[in-house]
Structure formats: structure tokens, C-alpha cells
PDB file of N, CA and C in Angstrom:
ATOM      1  N   MET A   1     164.035  28.991  67.202  1.00  0.00           N
ATOM      2  CA  MET A   1     162.646  28.192  66.077  1.00  0.00           C
ATOM      3  C   MET A   1     162.550  27.366  66.937  1.00  0.00           C
ATOM      4  N   PHE A   2     163.910  26.513  67.621  1.00  0.00           N
ATOM      5  CA  PHE A   2     162.718  25.846  68.442  1.00  0.00           C
ATOM      6  C   PHE A   2     162.350  25.631  69.397  1.00  0.00           C
ATOM      7  N   LEU A   3     162.714  26.712  70.135  1.00  0.00           N
ATOM      8  CA  LEU A   3     162.451  27.487  71.404  1.00  0.00           C
ATOM      9  C   LEU A   3     160.425  27.104  71.248  1.00  0.00           C
ATOM     10  N   TRP A   4     160.707  27.937  69.785  1.00  0.00           N
ATOM     11  CA  TRP A   4     158.617  28.608  69.344  1.00  0.00           C
ATOM     12  C   TRP A   4     158.128  27.603  69.482  1.00  0.00           C
ATOM     13  N   LEU A   5     158.536  26.090  68.845  1.00  0.00           N
ATOM     14  CA  LEU A   5     157.388  25.262  68.768  1.00  0.00           C
ATOM     15  C   LEU A   5     157.461  24.664  69.749  1.00  0.00           C
ATOM     16  N   VAL A   6     158.059  24.753  70.996  1.00  0.00           N
ATOM     17  CA  VAL A   6     158.059  23.793  72.616  1.00  0.00           C
ATOM     18  C   VAL A   6     156.893  24.949  72.914  1.00  0.00           C
ATOM     19  N   TYR A   7     156.879  25.768  72.985  1.00  0.00           N
ATOM     20  CA  TYR A   7     156.121  27.529  73.409  1.00  0.00           C
ATOM     21  C   TYR A   7     155.219  27.139  73.375  1.00  0.00           C
ATOM     22  N   LEU A   8     155.207  27.406  71.456  1.00  0.00           N
ATOM     23  CA  LEU A   8     153.094  26.495  71.007  1.00  0.00           C
ATOM     24  C   LEU A   8     153.090  25.084  71.248  1.00  0.00           C
ATOM     25  N   ARG A   9     153.632  24.270  70.981  1.00  0.00           N
ATOM     26  CA  ARG A   9     152.760  23.093  71.886  1.00  0.00           C
ATOM     27  C   ARG A   9     153.038  22.846  72.909  1.00  0.00           C
ATOM     28  N   LEU A  10     153.428  23.785  74.743  1.00  0.00           N
ATOM     29  CA  LEU A  10     153.059  23.561  75.225  1.00  0.00           C
ATOM     30  C   LEU A  10     151.317  24.834  75.491  1.00  0.00           C
ATOM     31  N   ILE A  11     151.535  25.696  74.878  1.00  0.00           N
ATOM     32  CA  ILE A  11     150.547  26.566  74.989  1.00  0.00           C
ATOM     33  C   ILE A  11     149.160  25.960  74.847  1.00  0.00           C
ATOM     34  N   THR A  12     148.661  24.673  73.904  1.00  0.00           N
ATOM     35  CA  THR A  12     148.400  24.583  73.390  1.00  0.00           C
ATOM     36  C   THR A  12     147.745  23.183  74.021  1.00  0.00           C
ATOM     37  N   MET A  13     147.732  22.632  74.935  1.00  0.00           N
ATOM     38  CA  MET A  13     148.076  21.369  75.555  1.00  0.00           C
ATOM     39  C   MET A  13     146.019  21.411  76.499  1.00  0.00           C
ATOM     40  N   LYS A  14     145.906  20.122  75.750  1.00  0.00           N
ATOM     41  CA  LYS A  14     144.933  19.727  76.385  1.00  0.00           C
ATOM     42  C   LYS A  14     144.616  18.818  77.281  1.00  0.00           C
ATOM     43  N   LEU A  15     144.232  18.690  78.792  1.00  0.00           N
ATOM     44  CA  LEU A  15     143.956  17.534  79.338  1.00  0.00           C
ATOM     45  C   LEU A  15     142.761  17.323  78.847  1.00  0.00           C
ATOM     46  N   ILE A  16     142.688  15.337  78.572  1.00  0.00           N
ATOM     47  CA  ILE A  16     141.715  15.635  78.423  1.00  0.00           C
ATOM     48  C   ILE A  16     141.330  13.784  79.037  1.00  0.00           C
ATOM     49  N   THR A  17     139.927  14.040  80.373  1.00  0.00           N
ATOM     50  CA  THR A  17     139.917  13.185  81.072  1.00  0.00           C
ATOM     51  C   THR A  17     138.335  12.716  80.861  1.00  0.00           C
ATOM     52  N   GLU A  18     137.947  10.830  81.283  1.00  0.00           N
ATOM     53  CA  GLU A  18     136.941  10.503  80.555  1.00  0.00           C
ATOM     54  C   GLU A  18     136.113   9.277  80.957  1.00  0.00           C
ATOM     55  N   VAL A  19     135.648   9.283  81.642  1.00  0.00           N
ATOM     56  CA  VAL A  19     135.028   8.459  82.962  1.00  0.00           C
ATOM     57  C   VAL A  19     133.922   7.308  82.010  1.00  0.00           C
ATOM     58  N   HIS A  20     134.881   5.739  82.551  1.00  0.00           N
ATOM     59  CA  HIS A  20     134.260   4.665  81.438  1.00  0.00           C
ATOM     60  C   HIS A  20     134.047   4.055  82.892  1.00  0.00           C
ATOM     61  N   ALA A  21     133.752   2.690  81.846  1.00  0.00           N
ATOM     62  CA  ALA A  21     132.797   1.873  82.790  1.00  0.00           C
ATOM     63  C   ALA A  21     133.895   1.634  84.005  1.00  0.00           C
ATOM     64  N   GLY A  22     134.219   2.055  84.922  1.00  0.00           N
ATOM     65  CA  GLY A  22     135.754   0.554  86.180  1.00  0.00           C
ATOM     66  C   GLY A  22     137.105   1.786  85.856  1.00  0.00           C
ATOM     67  N   ASP A  23     137.165   2.556  85.207  1.00  0.00           N
ATOM     68  CA  ASP A  23     138.104   3.224  85.013  1.00  0.00           C
ATOM     69  C   ASP A  23     137.783   4.997  84.875  1.00  0.00           C
ATOM     70  N   LEU A  24     138.986   5.989  84.940  1.00  0.00           N
ATOM     71  CA  LEU A  24     138.888   7.287  85.039  1.00  0.00           C
ATOM     72  C   LEU A  24     140.187   7.756  84.152  1.00  0.00           C
ATOM     73  N   HIS A  25     139.853   7.752  82.298  1.00  0.00           N
ATOM     74  CA  HIS A  25     141.139   7.958  82.096  1.00  0.00           C
ATOM     75  C   HIS A  25     141.815   9.706  81.898  1.00  0.00           C
ATOM     76  N   LEU A  26     143.026   9.503  82.045  1.00  0.00           N
ATOM     77  CA  LEU A  26     143.786  11.202  81.615  1.00  0.00           C
ATOM     78  C   LEU A  26     144.683  11.378  81.050  1.00  0.00           C
ATOM     79  N   SER A  27     144.006  11.916  80.250  1.00  0.00           N
ATOM     80  CA  SER A  27     145.494  12.296  79.218  1.00  0.00           C
ATOM     81  C   SER A  27     145.800  13.679  78.594  1.00  0.00           C
ATOM     82  N   MET A  28     147.106  14.007  79.181  1.00  0.00           N
ATOM     83  CA  MET A  28     147.653  15.195  78.118  1.00  0.00           C
ATOM     84  C   MET A  28     148.052  15.318  76.871  1.00  0.00           C
ATOM     85  N   HIS A  29     146.338  16.235  76.021  1.00  0.00           N
ATOM     86  CA  HIS A  29     146.991  15.542  74.867  1.00  0.00           C
ATOM     87  C   HIS A  29     147.979  15.413  73.677  1.00  0.00           C
ATOM     88  N   GLY A  30     148.281  14.450  72.830  1.00  0.00           N
ATOM     89  CA  GLY A  30     150.077  14.791  71.894  1.00  0.00           C
ATOM     90  C   GLY A  30     151.197  15.020  73.116  1.00  0.00           C
ATOM     91  N   LEU A  31     150.500  14.452  74.887  1.00  0.00           N
ATOM     92  CA  LEU A  31     152.159  14.816  75.724  1.00  0.00           C
ATOM     93  C   LEU A  31     152.824  13.358  75.839  1.00  0.00           C
ATOM     94  N   TRP A  32     152.099  12.711  76.684  1.00  0.00           N
ATOM     95  CA  TRP A  32     151.597  11.956  77.748  1.00  0.00           C
ATOM     96  C   TRP A  32     150.510  10.856  77.449  1.00  0.00           C
ATOM     97  N   SER A  33     150.909   9.356  77.822  1.00  0.00           N
ATOM     98  CA  SER A  33     150.146   8.453  76.938  1.00  0.00           C
ATOM     99  C   SER A  33     149.139   8.627  78.254  1.00  0.00           C
ATOM    100  N   ILE A  34     147.856   7.443  77.875  1.00  0.00           N
ATOM    101  CA  ILE A  34     146.462   7.783  79.460  1.00  0.00           C
ATOM    102  C   ILE A  34     146.892   7.137  80.451  1.00  0.00           C
ATOM    103  N   ARG A  35     146.369   7.344  82.038  1.00  0.00           N
ATOM    104  CA  ARG A  35     147.332   7.009  82.941  1.00  0.00           C
ATOM    105  C   ARG A  35     144.625   7.109  83.049  1.00  0.00           C
ATOM    106  N   LYS A  36     145.250   5.595  84.581  1.00  0.00           N
ATOM    107  CA  LYS A  36     143.857   4.911  84.458  1.00  0.00           C
ATOM    108  C   LYS A  36     143.465   5.167  85.745  1.00  0.00           C
ATOM    109  N   ILE A  37     142.530   5.739  86.597  1.00  0.00           N
ATOM    110  CA  ILE A  37     142.984   5.414  88.400  1.00  0.00           C
ATOM    111  C   ILE A  37     141.403   4.928  88.166  1.00  0.00           C
ATOM    112  N   PRO A  38     141.027   3.263  88.739  1.00  0.00           N
ATOM    113  CA  PRO A  38     139.651   2.385  88.833  1.00  0.00           C
ATOM    114  C   PRO A  38     139.134   3.637  89.918  1.00  0.00           C
ATOM    115  N   LEU A  39     137.767   3.274  89.825  1.00  0.00           N
ATOM    116  CA  LEU A  39     136.686   3.714  90.065  1.00  0.00           C
ATOM    117  C   LEU A  39     136.655   4.145  91.508  1.00  0.00           C
ATOM    118  N   VAL A  40     136.614   2.412  91.345  1.00  0.00           N
ATOM    119  CA  VAL A  40     136.778   1.974  93.199  1.00  0.00           C
ATOM    120  C   VAL A  40     138.054   1.805  94.483  1.00  0.00           C
ATOM    121  N   GLY A  41     139.059   2.933  93.246  1.00  0.00           N
ATOM    122  CA  GLY A  41     139.882   3.505  93.966  1.00  0.00           C
ATOM    123  C   GLY A  41     139.250   5.232  94.852  1.00  0.00           C
ATOM    124  N   ILE A  42     137.968   5.307  93.999  1.00  0.00           N
ATOM    125  CA  ILE A  42     137.582   6.961  94.103  1.00  0.00           C
ATOM    126  C   ILE A  42     136.806   7.087  95.911  1.00  0.00           C
ATOM    127  N   GLY A  43     136.973   7.588  96.628  1.00  0.00           N
ATOM    128  CA  GLY A  43     135.855   8.152  97.569  1.00  0.00           C
ATOM    129  C   GLY A  43     135.402   9.252  98.102  1.00  0.00           C
ATOM    130  N   SER A  44     136.320  10.278  96.743  1.00  0.00           N
ATOM    131  CA  SER A  44     135.262  11.175  97.161  1.00  0.00           C
ATOM    132  C   SER A  44     135.321  12.260  96.140  1.00  0.00           C
ATOM    133  N   ALA A  45     134.883  13.336  95.130  1.00  0.00           N
ATOM    134  CA  ALA A  45     135.366  13.572  93.734  1.00  0.00           C
ATOM    135  C   ALA A  45     134.983  14.908  94.409  1.00  0.00           C
ATOM    136  N   GLU A  46     134.655  16.167  94.791  1.00  0.00           N
ATOM    137  CA  GLU A  46     135.169  17.489  94.795  1.00  0.00           C
ATOM    138  C   GLU A  46     134.774  18.894  94.325  1.00  0.00           C
ATOM    139  N   VAL A  47     133.961  19.146  93.842  1.00  0.00           N
ATOM    140  CA  VAL A  47     134.689  20.516  92.379  1.00  0.00           C
ATOM    141  C   VAL A  47     135.779  22.026  93.585  1.00  0.00           C
ATOM    142  N   VAL A  48     136.379  22.908  93.295  1.00  0.00           N
ATOM    143  CA  VAL A  48     137.600  22.836  94.101  1.00  0.00           C
ATOM    144  C   VAL A  48     137.920  23.521  92.561  1.00  0.00           C
ATOM    145  N   THR A  49     138.517  25.267  93.216  1.00  0.00           N
ATOM    146  CA  THR A  49     138.554  26.851  92.508  1.00  0.00           C
ATOM    147  C   THR A  49     140.498  26.785  94.188  1.00  0.00           C
ATOM    148  N   TYR A  50     140.678  26.857  92.281  1.00  0.00           N
ATOM    149  CA  TYR A  50     142.226  26.811  93.167  1.00  0.00           C
ATOM    150  C   TYR A  50     142.809  27.872  93.105  1.00  0.00           C
ATOM    151  N   ASP A  51     144.731  28.638  92.922  1.00  0.00           N
ATOM    152  CA  ASP A  51     145.357  29.626  92.630  1.00  0.00           C
ATOM    153  C   ASP A  51     146.721  27.684  92.275  1.00  0.00           C
ATOM    154  N   PRO A  52     146.950  27.805  90.398  1.00  0.00           N
ATOM    155  CA  PRO A  52     147.302  27.036  90.122  1.00  0.00           C
ATOM    156  C   PRO A  52     149.159  26.343  90.661  1.00  0.00           C
ATOM    157  N   VAL A  53     149.124  28.224  90.675  1.00  0.00           N
ATOM    158  CA  VAL A  53     150.882  28.481  90.633  1.00  0.00           C
ATOM    159  C   VAL A  53     151.583  28.123  92.387  1.00  0.00           C
ATOM    160  N   LYS A  54     150.303  28.695  93.139  1.00  0.00           N
ATOM    161  CA  LYS A  54     151.008  28.842  95.101  1.00  0.00           C
ATOM    162  C   LYS A  54     150.034  27.138  94.821  1.00  0.00           C
ATOM    163  N   ASP A  55     149.052  27.048  94.972  1.00  0.00           N
ATOM    164  CA  ASP A  55     148.506  25.739  95.840  1.00  0.00           C
ATOM    165  C   ASP A  55     149.164  24.101  95.110  1.00  0.00           C
ATOM    166  N   HIS A  56     149.788  24.258  93.604  1.00  0.00           N
ATOM    167  CA  HIS A  56     150.261  23.529  92.771  1.00  0.00           C
ATOM    168  C   HIS A  56     151.612  23.205  91.892  1.00  0.00           C
ATOM    169  N   GLY A  57     152.810  24.744  92.032  1.00  0.00           N
ATOM    170  CA  GLY A  57     153.299  25.161  91.910  1.00  0.00           C
ATOM    171  C   GLY A  57     153.004  24.946  89.959  1.00  0.00           C
ATOM    172  N   GLY A  58     151.721  25.013  89.208  1.00  0.00           N
ATOM    173  CA  GLY A  58     151.385  26.173  87.831  1.00  0.00           C
ATOM    174  C   GLY A  58     151.121  24.621  86.926  1.00  0.00           C
ATOM    175  N   TYR A  59     151.330  24.920  86.019  1.00  0.00           N
ATOM    176  CA  TYR A  59     150.224  23.923  85.356  1.00  0.00           C
ATOM    177  C   TYR A  59     150.844  23.081  84.841  1.00  0.00           C
ATOM    178  N   GLY A  60     150.381  21.686  84.343  1.00  0.00           N
ATOM    179  CA  GLY A  60     150.870  20.244  84.073  1.00  0.00           C
ATOM    180  C   GLY A  60     150.886  19.153  84.526  1.00  0.00           C
ATOM    181  N   ILE A  61     152.223  18.208  84.850  1.00  0.00           N
ATOM    182  CA  ILE A  61     152.041  17.224  86.163  1.00  0.00           C
ATOM    183  C   ILE A  61     152.177  17.498  86.368  1.00  0.00           C
ATOM    184  N   ARG A  62     152.366  17.568  87.674  1.00  0.00           N
ATOM    185  CA  ARG A  62     153.505  17.155  88.797  1.00  0.00           C
ATOM    186  C   ARG A  62     152.501  16.416  89.909  1.00  0.00           C
ATOM    187  N   LEU A  63     154.117  15.645  90.739  1.00  0.00           N
ATOM    188  CA  LEU A  63     153.902  13.944  91.586  1.00  0.00           C
ATOM    189  C   LEU A  63     154.899  15.216  92.514  1.00  0.00           C
ATOM    190  N   SER A  64     153.495  13.948  93.752  1.00  0.00           N
ATOM    191  CA  SER A  64     154.838  14.279  94.890  1.00  0.00           C
ATOM    192  C   SER A  64     154.212  13.605  95.776  1.00  0.00           C
ATOM    193  N   PRO A  65     154.513  12.936  96.955  1.00  0.00           N
ATOM    194  CA  PRO A  65     153.929  11.358  97.678  1.00  0.00           C
ATOM    195  C   PRO A  65     152.641  11.396  97.733  1.00  0.00           C
ATOM    196  N   ARG A  66     151.921  12.967  98.297  1.00  0.00           N
ATOM    197  CA  ARG A  66     150.657  12.820  98.599  1.00  0.00           C
ATOM    198  C   ARG A  66     149.743  13.538  97.650  1.00  0.00           C
ATOM    199  N   GLU A  67     150.290  14.017  96.828  1.00  0.00           N
ATOM    200  CA  GLU A  67     149.156  14.216  96.051  1.00  0.00           C
ATOM    201  C   GLU A  67     149.433  14.541  93.765  1.00  0.00           C
ATOM    202  N   ARG A  68     148.608  14.077  93.380  1.00  0.00           N
ATOM    203  CA  ARG A  68     149.596  13.807  91.762  1.00  0.00           C
ATOM    204  C   ARG A  68     148.925  14.760  90.469  1.00  0.00           C
ATOM    205  N   THR A  69     148.909  16.384  90.713  1.00  0.00           N
ATOM    206  CA  THR A  69     147.865  17.158  90.263  1.00  0.00           C
ATOM    207  C   THR A  69     147.993  17.320  88.667  1.00  0.00           C
ATOM    208  N   TYR A  70     147.130  17.352  88.372  1.00  0.00           N
ATOM    209  CA  TYR A  70     146.411  17.172  86.363  1.00  0.00           C
ATOM    210  C   TYR A  70     146.288  18.023  86.155  1.00  0.00           C
ATOM    211  N   ILE A  71     147.155  19.701  85.716  1.00  0.00           N
ATOM    212  CA  ILE A  71     145.914  20.635  84.936  1.00  0.00           C
ATOM    213  C   ILE A  71     146.829  20.863  84.395  1.00  0.00           C
ATOM    214  N   ALA A  72     145.773  21.663  82.798  1.00  0.00           N
ATOM    215  CA  ALA A  72     146.563  22.720  81.721  1.00  0.00           C
ATOM    216  C   ALA A  72     146.291  23.804  81.442  1.00  0.00           C
ATOM    217  N   SER A  73     145.263  24.205  82.212  1.00  0.00           N
ATOM    218  CA  SER A  73     144.609  25.449  82.295  1.00  0.00           C
ATOM    219  C   SER A  73     143.795  26.105  83.184  1.00  0.00           C
ATOM    220  N   GLY A  74     144.106  27.270  83.863  1.00  0.00           N
ATOM    221  CA  GLY A  74     142.010  27.792  84.280  1.00  0.00           C
ATOM    222  C   GLY A  74     142.319  27.606  86.130  1.00  0.00           C
ATOM    223  N   ASN A  75     141.614  26.976  86.489  1.00  0.00           N
ATOM    224  CA  ASN A  75     141.571  26.921  88.432  1.00  0.00           C
ATOM    225  C   ASN A  75     140.793  27.226  88.692  1.00  0.00           C
ATOM    226  N   ARG A  76     139.585  26.112  87.279  1.00  0.00           N
ATOM    227  CA  ARG A  76     138.628  25.461  88.845  1.00  0.00           C
ATOM    228  C   ARG A  76     138.763  24.076  88.508  1.00  0.00           C
ATOM    229  N   GLY A  77     138.786  22.374  89.085  1.00  0.00           N
ATOM    230  CA  GLY A  77     138.590  21.394  88.741  1.00  0.00           C
ATOM    231  C   GLY A  77     138.300  19.959  89.924  1.00  0.00           C
ATOM    232  N   VAL A  78     138.473  19.628  89.812  1.00  0.00           N
ATOM    233  CA  VAL A  78     137.883  18.475  90.912  1.00  0.00           C
ATOM    234  C   VAL A  78     139.105  17.605  91.578  1.00  0.00           C
ATOM    235  N   ARG A  79     138.941  17.668  92.713  1.00  0.00           N
ATOM    236  CA  ARG A  79     139.675  16.901  93.125  1.00  0.00           C
ATOM    237  C   ARG A  79     139.143  15.932  94.538  1.00  0.00           C
ATOM    238  N   LEU A  80     140.096  15.428  93.049  1.00  0.00           N
ATOM    239  CA  LEU A  80     140.015  13.701  93.656  1.00  0.00           C
ATOM    240  C   LEU A  80     140.371  12.549  95.402  1.00  0.00           C
ATOM    241  N   THR A  81     139.638  12.034  96.136  1.00  0.00           N
ATOM    242  CA  THR A  81     140.670  11.583  97.747  1.00  0.00           C
ATOM    243  C   THR A  81     140.575  10.839  96.522  1.00  0.00           C
ATOM    244  N   LEU A  82     141.486   9.363  97.298  1.00  0.00           N
ATOM    245  CA  LEU A  82     142.127   8.178  96.441  1.00  0.00           C
ATOM    246  C   LEU A  82     141.627   7.791  98.374  1.00  0.00           C
ATOM    247  N   MET A  83     140.716   6.392  98.144  1.00  0.00           N
ATOM    248  CA  MET A  83     140.318   5.185  99.482  1.00  0.00           C
ATOM    249  C   MET A  83     142.244   5.924 100.225  1.00  0.00           C
ATOM    250  N   LYS A  84     142.881   5.426  99.906  1.00  0.00           N
ATOM    251  CA  LYS A  84     144.043   5.593 100.327  1.00  0.00           C
ATOM    252  C   LYS A  84     145.407   6.943 100.514  1.00  0.00           C
ATOM    253  N   GLY A  85     144.662   7.884 100.651  1.00  0.00           N
ATOM    254  CA  GLY A  85     144.506   9.439 101.133  1.00  0.00           C
ATOM    255  C   GLY A  85     145.112  10.484  99.997  1.00  0.00           C
ATOM    256  N   MET A  86     145.119   9.416  98.632  1.00  0.00           N
ATOM    257  CA  MET A  86     146.214  10.264  97.659  1.00  0.00           C
ATOM    258  C   MET A  86     145.041  11.191  97.070  1.00  0.00           C
ATOM    259  N   LYS A  87     145.740  13.180  97.286  1.00  0.00           N
ATOM    260  CA  LYS A  87     144.459  13.881  96.738  1.00  0.00           C
ATOM    261  C   LYS A  87     145.054  12.974  95.206  1.00  0.00           C
ATOM    262  N   VAL A  88     144.051  14.044  94.073  1.00  0.00           N
ATOM    263  CA  VAL A  88     144.402  13.339  92.573  1.00  0.00           C
ATOM    264  C   VAL A  88     143.141  14.880  91.709  1.00  0.00           C
ATOM    265  N   PRO A  89     143.889  15.788  92.061  1.00  0.00           N
ATOM    266  CA  PRO A  89     143.612  17.571  91.396  1.00  0.00           C
ATOM    267  C   PRO A  89     143.106  17.465  90.785  1.00  0.00           C
ATOM    268  N   LEU A  90     142.055  17.437  89.670  1.00  0.00           N
ATOM    269  CA  LEU A  90     142.572  17.631  88.232  1.00  0.00           C
ATOM    270  C   LEU A  90     141.451  18.948  87.829  1.00  0.00           C
ATOM    271  N   GLY A  91     141.426  19.747  86.355  1.00  0.00           N
ATOM    272  CA  GLY A  91     141.591  20.686  85.951  1.00  0.00           C
ATOM    273  C   GLY A  91     140.604  20.400  85.227  1.00  0.00           C
ATOM    274  N   SER A  92     139.756  21.349  85.357  1.00  0.00           N
ATOM    275  CA  SER A  92     138.541  20.662  83.858  1.00  0.00           C
ATOM    276  C   SER A  92     137.447  22.558  83.682  1.00  0.00           C
ATOM    277  N   GLN A  93     137.312  22.358  82.448  1.00  0.00           N
ATOM    278  CA  GLN A  93     136.882  23.679  82.301  1.00  0.00           C
ATOM    279  C   GLN A  93     135.422  23.553  82.975  1.00  0.00           C
ATOM    280  N   ARG A  94     135.246  22.085  82.899  1.00  0.00           N
ATOM    281  CA  ARG A  94     133.342  21.747  83.223  1.00  0.00           C
ATOM    282  C   ARG A  94     132.785  21.351  84.869  1.00  0.00           C
ATOM    283  N   PRO A  95     133.812  20.970  86.452  1.00  0.00           N
ATOM    284  CA  PRO A  95     133.854  20.893  87.031  1.00  0.00           C
ATOM    285  C   PRO A  95     132.468  19.942  87.243  1.00  0.00           C
ATOM    286  N   GLN A  96     130.969  20.421  87.511  1.00  0.00           N
ATOM    287  CA  GLN A  96     130.598  20.657  88.261  1.00  0.00           C
ATOM    288  C   GLN A  96     130.244  19.264  87.419  1.00  0.00           C
ATOM    289  N   GLU A  97     130.761  18.490  86.040  1.00  0.00           N
ATOM    290  CA  GLU A  97     129.917  17.750  85.136  1.00  0.00           C
ATOM    291  C   GLU A  97     130.882  16.804  85.691  1.00  0.00           C
ATOM    292  N   LEU A  98     131.656  16.743  85.283  1.00  0.00           N
ATOM    293  CA  LEU A  98     132.950  15.857  85.599  1.00  0.00           C
ATOM    294  C   LEU A  98     132.642  15.231  87.208  1.00  0.00           C
ATOM    295  N   ALA A  99     132.737  16.219  87.708  1.00  0.00           N
ATOM    296  CA  ALA A  99     131.926  15.654  89.546  1.00  0.00           C
ATOM    297  C   ALA A  99     130.733  14.896  89.309  1.00  0.00           C
ATOM    298  N   GLN A 100     130.523  15.505  88.604  1.00  0.00           N
ATOM    299  CA  GLN A 100     128.571  14.032  89.160  1.00  0.00           C
ATOM    300  C   GLN A 100     129.279  12.762  87.715  1.00  0.00           C
ATOM    301  N   ALA A 101     129.623  12.814  86.945  1.00  0.00           N
ATOM    302  CA  ALA A 101     129.526  11.477  87.005  1.00  0.00           C
ATOM    303  C   ALA A 101     130.972  10.907  86.901  1.00  0.00           C
ATOM    304  N   ILE A 102     132.156  11.509  87.798  1.00  0.00           N
ATOM    305  CA  ILE A 102     132.341  10.696  88.773  1.00  0.00           C
ATOM    306  C   ILE A 102     131.902   9.635  89.928  1.00  0.00           C
ATOM    307  N   ALA A 103     131.414  10.815  90.327  1.00  0.00           N
ATOM    308  CA  ALA A 103     129.825  10.629  91.167  1.00  0.00           C
ATOM    309  C   ALA A 103     127.967   9.317  91.081  1.00  0.00           C
ATOM    310  N   ALA A 104     128.525   9.327  89.863  1.00  0.00           N
ATOM    311  CA  ALA A 104     128.023   8.876  88.750  1.00  0.00           C
ATOM    312  C   ALA A 104     127.707   7.531  88.840  1.00  0.00           C
ATOM    313  N   ALA A 105     129.309   7.600  87.807  1.00  0.00           N
ATOM    314  CA  ALA A 105     129.873   6.160  87.782  1.00  0.00           C
ATOM    315  C   ALA A 105     130.335   5.169  89.412  1.00  0.00           C
ATOM    316  N   CYS A 106     131.328   6.139  89.662  1.00  0.00           N
ATOM    317  CA  CYS A 106     131.108   5.630  91.460  1.00  0.00           C
ATOM    318  C   CYS A 106     129.995   4.817  92.094  1.00  0.00           C
ATOM    319  N   GLY A 107     128.794   5.239  91.879  1.00  0.00           N
ATOM    320  CA  GLY A 107     127.770   4.536  92.761  1.00  0.00           C
ATOM    321  C   GLY A 107     126.900   3.312  92.017  1.00  0.00           C
ATOM    322  N   SER A 108     127.117   2.842  90.040  1.00  0.00           N
ATOM    323  CA  SER A 108     127.600   1.894  89.692  1.00  0.00           C
ATOM    324  C   SER A 108     128.150   0.917  89.324  1.00  0.00           C
ATOM    325  N   THR A 109     129.344   1.119  90.906  1.00  0.00           N
ATOM    326  CA  THR A 109     130.229   0.560  90.043  1.00  0.00           C
ATOM    327  C   THR A 109     130.174  -0.150  91.661  1.00  0.00           C
TER     328      THR A 109
END
């Protein structure tokens, strides 16, 4: 029964990405606290299509020295390149809108 509850929780996960004044907020709904990325630290945001398993090792939060990946579902998203060289792929159901919102917010800071 416990494994079924864990499975149900994992398949209902959502990545919530919000663009606020000064920061990009990332939250894995119900599992993980908010991660903030300062907009002034973002060098670029581009829409990408990827294979979650082949390119990033699967869904979820993946941390490595050169990349921080946040993917809840799908195969499309936005890849941020931070000023320090770190790559941050973000899964998104509406990647064009997210990239535009990030670009607009970065331009206004």
C-alpha cells in the first residue's frame, strides 16, 4: 500500500515556474521548497526539445556540477544559461511563453 501511495504521489507531481520581479521561482509542487534564480544571473533562455531519459537521466530534479535540471513531465522546456556558465533545463508545457516571460523580465531588470 505504501508503494502505491508513493507511486501516485510521483505521477501527480507538477513543476511550478513563476517569473517574479527580480527572481525566477521553481517549485516541485508538494515535494520541495521554492528554488529562486536571480534574473540578473540569467544569460539566455531558449526553447528546447529533449529526451528526458537520454539527455538528463529521467524526470525530477537532477543536480550535477554543470547542470541543474527540473523536469516533471513531457519533452519540451526552456534551457537557461546562467552568467556563471551553469545550464538549467526547465520542463514546461508552454515553453515559448515561459522563455518570453523570462526574456521580458530580464530586460526590465
